[in-house]
Amino acid sequence: MSLRPRRSVLYMPAANERALEKAKSLPADAIIFDLEDAVAPDAKESARAQACAAAASGEYGKRELTIRANGLDTPWGADDIRAIAEVGPAAIVIPKVANAAHLAMIADSLEAADAPDHTTIWAMVETPAAIFAAREISGFDRVSTIVMGTNDLAKELRATQTPGRHALVPHLATALLAAREAGIVALDGVFNDIADADGFVAECRQGFEMGFDGKTLIHPRQLEPANDVWAPTAEEVEHATRVIAAFDEAEADGRGVVTVDGRMIENLHVENARRTLAVAAALDD
């Protein structure tokens, strides 16, 4: 089993040259060069050129590079898709995905622009329509990742964002369930209060415990806490190693019952242990 870490996925405003330069040295697993919310209308075209140049530069090391396009219902969306297809980053991030028909339009545009096969779609789930269509969005062929857009979702629901995100948890769980059924990656939404370090860590922990693969971020200071939450601890790695060893030994001896630290071990525990070791190996790579 091999996994690509996506613990920390940082939005970077593509209109900001200093931010693009700084991103080359930040400990982010992935970067979203943003052409949408973070860019003023009069800077859209220059931001597009800068994002594409950054994605093609080869100067970002092992970081996974993606670009968030403007919607096709804007004056810039179609040109964004053509330019992104030409550069061929790891993915194109599509805001406010509504359903599979919406994705088909994006996929057709990518194919018409000769986008490479490795450029997948990261679909943003941030409206009630997207929650209802989460299964068809997650199951769409070119979609490799869903990205929760929690700010827009809360706005659409007229929900109050509170510690613990009680109003959003059912919808986060619905989207996550669809992603897991489809076997794709699911990324948690952003945390808005940059100064609230404890609140951020608590929300990371909540996302991790729910099963998300990582979190989208709006500031570099959020990187290390997110990386820490989604990385296996030394104790977890050691326990996973013992679980696998005990299970393998029991199988070799023909024993049907395996215990580690007084707890029964089944296949599902072994699968979890192997995933833990795979994540740890990917982070050491």
Protein backbone atom coordinates (compact mmCIF):
# COMPACT_ATOMS: atom_id res chain seq x y z
CA MET A 1 0.00 0.00 0.00
CA SER A 2 1.36 3.42 -0.97
CA LEU A 3 -0.29 6.71 -0.09
CA ARG A 4 0.29 10.31 -1.05
CA PRO A 5 0.04 12.53 2.03
CA ARG A 6 -2.49 15.35 1.81
CA ARG A 7 -2.48 16.39 5.44
CA SER A 8 -2.07 20.08 4.63
CA VAL A 9 -3.47 21.65 1.46
CA LEU A 10 -2.73 25.36 1.33
CA TYR A 11 -4.65 27.91 -0.72
CA MET A 12 -2.23 30.45 -2.22
CA PRO A 13 -3.53 33.58 -4.00
CA ALA A 14 -2.08 33.31 -7.49
CA ALA A 15 -2.04 37.09 -7.91
CA ASN A 16 0.49 37.43 -5.09
CA GLU A 17 4.00 36.83 -6.43
CA ARG A 18 5.57 36.89 -2.96
CA ALA A 19 3.13 34.23 -1.75
CA LEU A 20 3.93 32.01 -4.73
CA GLU A 21 7.64 32.33 -4.00
CA LYS A 22 7.16 31.63 -0.30
CA ALA A 23 5.17 28.49 -1.06
CA LYS A 24 8.29 26.86 -2.48
CA SER A 25 9.69 26.46 1.03
CA LEU A 26 6.55 25.81 3.08
CA PRO A 27 5.88 22.34 4.59
CA ALA A 28 2.61 21.88 2.70
CA ASP A 29 1.73 18.49 1.25
CA ALA A 30 -0.24 20.19 -1.51
CA ILE A 31 -0.89 23.69 -2.82
CA ILE A 32 -3.96 25.15 -4.48
CA PHE A 33 -2.97 28.13 -6.61
CA ASP A 34 -6.18 30.10 -6.36
CA LEU A 35 -7.66 32.01 -9.29
CA GLU A 36 -11.11 32.35 -7.75
CA ASP A 37 -11.99 33.88 -4.37
CA ALA A 38 -8.54 35.27 -3.56
CA VAL A 39 -8.16 37.21 -6.84
CA ALA A 40 -9.80 40.52 -7.78
CA PRO A 41 -11.48 40.72 -11.20
CA ASP A 42 -8.86 43.04 -12.66
CA ALA A 43 -6.09 40.61 -11.65
CA LYS A 44 -7.65 37.39 -12.97
CA GLU A 45 -5.62 37.15 -16.17
CA SER A 46 -2.25 37.94 -14.61
CA ALA A 47 -3.01 35.51 -11.76
CA ARG A 48 -3.78 32.79 -14.30
CA ALA A 49 -0.44 33.32 -16.02
CA GLN A 50 1.41 33.28 -12.69
CA ALA A 51 -0.35 30.14 -11.43
CA CYS A 52 0.38 28.25 -14.63
CA ALA A 53 4.01 29.35 -14.61
CA ALA A 54 4.36 28.23 -10.99
CA ALA A 55 2.76 24.85 -11.67
CA ALA A 56 5.11 24.26 -14.60
CA SER A 57 8.25 25.56 -12.91
CA GLY A 58 9.44 22.39 -11.19
CA GLU A 59 10.46 24.53 -8.22
CA TYR A 60 8.03 23.21 -5.62
CA GLY A 61 9.67 19.91 -4.79
CA LYS A 62 7.38 17.03 -3.86
CA ARG A 63 4.41 19.28 -3.15
CA GLU A 64 1.30 18.32 -5.08
CA LEU A 65 0.33 21.30 -7.23
CA THR A 66 -3.23 22.13 -8.20
CA ILE A 67 -4.97 25.23 -9.58
CA ARG A 68 -8.45 26.41 -8.63
CA ALA A 69 -10.25 27.78 -11.67
CA ASN A 70 -13.07 30.24 -11.81
CA GLY A 71 -16.48 28.79 -12.60
CA LEU A 72 -17.62 28.29 -16.16
CA ASP A 73 -20.39 30.78 -15.44
CA THR A 74 -17.79 33.57 -15.07
CA PRO A 75 -15.93 35.48 -17.80
CA TRP A 76 -12.69 33.71 -16.87
CA GLY A 77 -13.65 30.05 -16.36
CA ALA A 78 -13.27 28.73 -19.90
CA ASP A 79 -9.89 30.43 -20.37
CA ASP A 80 -8.76 29.12 -16.98
CA ILE A 81 -9.54 25.54 -17.99
CA ARG A 82 -7.70 25.85 -21.30
CA ALA A 83 -4.61 27.34 -19.65
CA ILE A 84 -4.59 24.80 -16.83
CA ALA A 85 -5.01 21.93 -19.28
CA GLU A 86 -1.97 23.12 -21.22
CA VAL A 87 0.20 23.18 -18.09
CA GLY A 88 -1.10 19.87 -16.73
CA PRO A 89 -0.85 20.18 -12.93
CA ALA A 90 -1.84 17.32 -10.65
CA ALA A 91 -5.42 18.58 -10.59
CA ILE A 92 -7.80 21.35 -11.47
CA VAL A 93 -9.95 22.44 -8.53
CA ILE A 94 -13.52 23.25 -9.55
CA PRO A 95 -15.63 25.44 -7.26
CA LYS A 96 -19.32 24.91 -6.52
CA VAL A 97 -19.71 21.61 -8.32
CA ALA A 98 -23.42 20.86 -8.59
CA ASN A 99 -23.65 17.37 -10.05
CA ALA A 100 -22.21 14.93 -12.59
CA ALA A 101 -23.54 16.95 -15.52
CA HIS A 102 -21.53 19.93 -14.31
CA LEU A 103 -18.44 17.73 -14.07
CA ALA A 104 -19.03 16.36 -17.56
CA MET A 105 -18.82 19.90 -18.93
CA ILE A 106 -15.50 20.39 -17.13
CA ALA A 107 -14.16 17.04 -18.33
CA ASP A 108 -15.19 17.79 -21.92
CA SER A 109 -13.41 21.14 -21.73
CA LEU A 110 -10.26 19.50 -20.37
CA GLU A 111 -10.30 16.87 -23.11
CA ALA A 112 -10.89 19.50 -25.80
CA ALA A 113 -7.83 21.33 -24.50
CA ASP A 114 -5.75 18.10 -24.51
CA ALA A 115 -5.25 18.00 -20.75
CA PRO A 116 -3.00 15.10 -19.71
CA ASP A 117 -4.67 12.12 -18.06
CA HIS A 118 -2.84 12.79 -14.79
CA THR A 119 -4.66 16.11 -14.37
CA THR A 120 -7.64 15.00 -12.33
CA ILE A 121 -10.55 17.02 -10.97
CA TRP A 122 -10.80 18.08 -7.35
CA ALA A 123 -14.50 18.80 -6.90
CA MET A 124 -15.54 21.38 -4.32
CA VAL A 125 -18.62 20.35 -2.38
CA GLU A 126 -20.05 23.58 -0.99
CA THR A 127 -23.76 23.81 -1.78
CA PRO A 128 -26.91 21.91 -0.81
CA ALA A 129 -27.12 20.60 -4.39
CA ALA A 130 -23.62 19.15 -4.08
CA ILE A 131 -24.46 17.43 -0.79
CA PHE A 132 -27.50 15.79 -2.39
CA ALA A 133 -25.32 14.80 -5.40
CA ALA A 134 -22.29 13.73 -3.36
CA ARG A 135 -22.38 10.13 -4.64
CA GLU A 136 -22.48 11.05 -8.32
CA ILE A 137 -19.81 13.71 -7.83
CA SER A 138 -17.49 11.33 -5.97
CA GLY A 139 -18.12 8.57 -8.49
CA PHE A 140 -17.37 10.69 -11.56
CA ASP A 141 -14.47 9.16 -13.50
CA ARG A 142 -12.04 12.08 -13.48
CA VAL A 143 -12.69 13.14 -9.88
CA SER A 144 -9.90 12.05 -7.54
CA THR A 145 -10.70 14.29 -4.56
CA ILE A 146 -13.59 16.13 -2.99
CA VAL A 147 -12.87 19.38 -1.17
CA MET A 148 -15.32 20.63 1.40
CA GLY A 149 -16.18 24.30 0.97
CA THR A 150 -17.46 24.83 4.49
CA ASN A 151 -17.75 28.63 4.34
CA ASP A 152 -20.02 28.63 1.31
CA LEU A 153 -21.95 25.64 2.59
CA ALA A 154 -22.65 27.39 5.89
CA LYS A 155 -23.75 30.49 3.98
CA GLU A 156 -26.12 28.50 1.77
CA LEU A 157 -27.58 26.73 4.79
CA ARG A 158 -27.84 29.98 6.79
CA ALA A 159 -25.98 28.05 9.47
CA THR A 160 -23.96 29.62 12.27
CA GLN A 161 -20.37 28.42 12.38
CA THR A 162 -19.60 27.45 15.96
CA PRO A 163 -16.87 25.45 17.71
CA GLY A 164 -17.54 21.81 16.93
CA ARG A 165 -19.35 22.70 13.66
CA HIS A 166 -22.53 21.02 14.86
CA ALA A 167 -24.59 22.47 12.01
CA LEU A 168 -22.19 21.15 9.37
CA VAL A 169 -21.23 17.73 10.73
CA PRO A 170 -24.12 15.81 9.09
CA HIS A 171 -23.25 17.28 5.69
CA LEU A 172 -19.53 16.70 6.13
CA ALA A 173 -20.31 13.09 6.99
CA THR A 174 -22.56 12.67 3.94
CA ALA A 175 -19.85 13.90 1.57
CA LEU A 176 -17.19 11.84 3.32
CA LEU A 177 -19.33 8.73 3.07
CA ALA A 178 -19.70 9.26 -0.68
CA ALA A 179 -15.96 9.74 -1.10
CA ARG A 180 -15.19 6.56 0.80
CA GLU A 181 -17.72 4.59 -1.26
CA ALA A 182 -15.98 5.83 -4.41
CA GLY A 183 -12.49 5.22 -3.03
CA ILE A 184 -11.31 8.81 -3.46
CA VAL A 185 -9.67 11.43 -1.23
CA ALA A 186 -11.72 13.74 0.99
CA LEU A 187 -10.35 17.06 2.28
CA ASP A 188 -11.88 19.00 5.14
CA GLY A 189 -12.76 22.68 4.78
CA VAL A 190 -10.87 25.73 6.04
CA PHE A 191 -10.72 27.23 9.52
CA ASN A 192 -11.21 30.97 9.38
CA ASP A 193 -9.79 32.37 12.63
CA ILE A 194 -6.04 32.41 12.04
CA ALA A 195 -5.39 33.68 15.58
CA ASP A 196 -7.28 30.82 17.27
CA ALA A 197 -4.57 28.18 17.38
CA ASP A 198 -6.38 25.94 19.87
CA GLY A 199 -9.62 26.10 17.92
CA PHE A 200 -7.78 25.17 14.74
CA VAL A 201 -6.15 22.12 16.31
CA ALA A 202 -9.50 21.02 17.73
CA GLU A 203 -11.11 21.26 14.29
CA CYS A 204 -8.21 19.36 12.72
CA ARG A 205 -8.67 16.64 15.31
CA GLN A 206 -12.38 16.52 14.55
CA GLY A 207 -11.71 16.19 10.82
CA PHE A 208 -9.12 13.49 11.42
CA GLU A 209 -11.42 11.53 13.71
CA MET A 210 -14.25 11.76 11.16
CA GLY A 211 -11.94 10.22 8.56
CA PHE A 212 -10.87 13.10 6.31
CA ASP A 213 -7.49 12.71 4.62
CA GLY A 214 -6.35 16.25 5.43
CA LYS A 215 -7.43 19.85 5.67
CA THR A 216 -7.50 22.84 3.38
CA LEU A 217 -5.71 25.84 4.89
CA ILE A 218 -5.70 29.60 4.45
CA HIS A 219 -2.46 30.56 6.23
CA PRO A 220 1.05 29.09 6.50
CA ARG A 221 0.90 29.08 10.30
CA GLN A 222 -1.78 26.37 10.04
CA LEU A 223 0.56 23.96 8.23
CA GLU A 224 2.50 22.38 11.08
CA PRO A 225 -0.52 21.76 13.33
CA ALA A 226 -2.39 20.08 10.46
CA ASN A 227 0.65 18.01 9.57
CA ASP A 228 1.00 16.90 13.18
CA VAL A 229 -2.63 15.85 13.55
CA TRP A 230 -2.67 13.77 10.37
CA ALA A 231 0.74 12.12 10.93
CA PRO A 232 0.97 8.84 12.86
CA THR A 233 2.76 9.16 16.18
CA ALA A 234 5.77 6.99 17.02
CA GLU A 235 3.54 5.03 19.41
CA GLU A 236 0.96 4.42 16.70
CA VAL A 237 3.64 3.20 14.29
CA GLU A 238 5.08 0.88 16.93
CA HIS A 239 1.63 -0.51 17.78
CA ALA A 240 0.79 -1.02 14.10
CA THR A 241 4.04 -2.94 13.62
CA ARG A 242 3.21 -5.23 16.52
CA VAL A 243 -0.35 -5.80 15.28
CA ILE A 244 0.87 -6.93 11.87
CA ALA A 245 3.63 -9.10 13.34
CA ALA A 246 1.23 -10.78 15.77
CA PHE A 247 -1.34 -11.43 13.06
CA ASP A 248 1.25 -12.86 10.66
CA GLU A 249 2.62 -15.11 13.41
CA ALA A 250 -0.84 -16.36 14.31
CA GLU A 251 -1.62 -17.13 10.67
CA ALA A 252 1.64 -19.03 10.29
CA ASP A 253 0.85 -21.09 13.41
CA GLY A 254 -2.71 -21.75 12.33
CA ARG A 255 -4.17 -19.85 15.28
CA GLY A 256 -7.55 -18.18 14.79
CA VAL A 257 -7.35 -15.84 17.76
CA VAL A 258 -4.87 -12.99 18.01
CA THR A 259 -4.48 -10.50 20.85
CA VAL A 260 -2.23 -7.45 21.21
CA ASP A 261 -2.16 -5.56 24.50
CA GLY A 262 -5.12 -7.64 25.66
CA ARG A 263 -7.31 -6.73 22.68
CA MET A 264 -8.64 -9.03 20.01
CA ILE A 265 -7.16 -8.37 16.55
CA GLU A 266 -9.18 -8.93 13.38
CA ASN A 267 -8.56 -8.28 9.69
CA LEU A 268 -9.91 -4.75 9.93
CA HIS A 269 -7.33 -3.91 12.63
CA VAL A 270 -4.58 -5.28 10.41
CA GLU A 271 -5.79 -3.19 7.48
CA ASN A 272 -5.77 -0.09 9.68
CA ALA A 273 -2.28 -0.95 10.89
CA ARG A 274 -1.02 -1.34 7.34
CA ARG A 275 -2.49 2.02 6.44
CA THR A 276 -0.75 3.62 9.41
CA LEU A 277 2.60 2.21 8.28
CA ALA A 278 1.95 3.28 4.70
CA VAL A 279 1.26 6.86 5.79
CA ALA A 280 4.38 6.87 7.97
CA ALA A 281 6.47 5.53 5.08
CA ALA A 282 5.09 8.16 2.71
CA LEU A 283 5.99 10.92 5.15
CA ASP A 284 9.54 9.56 5.51
CA ASP A 285 10.02 9.32 1.74
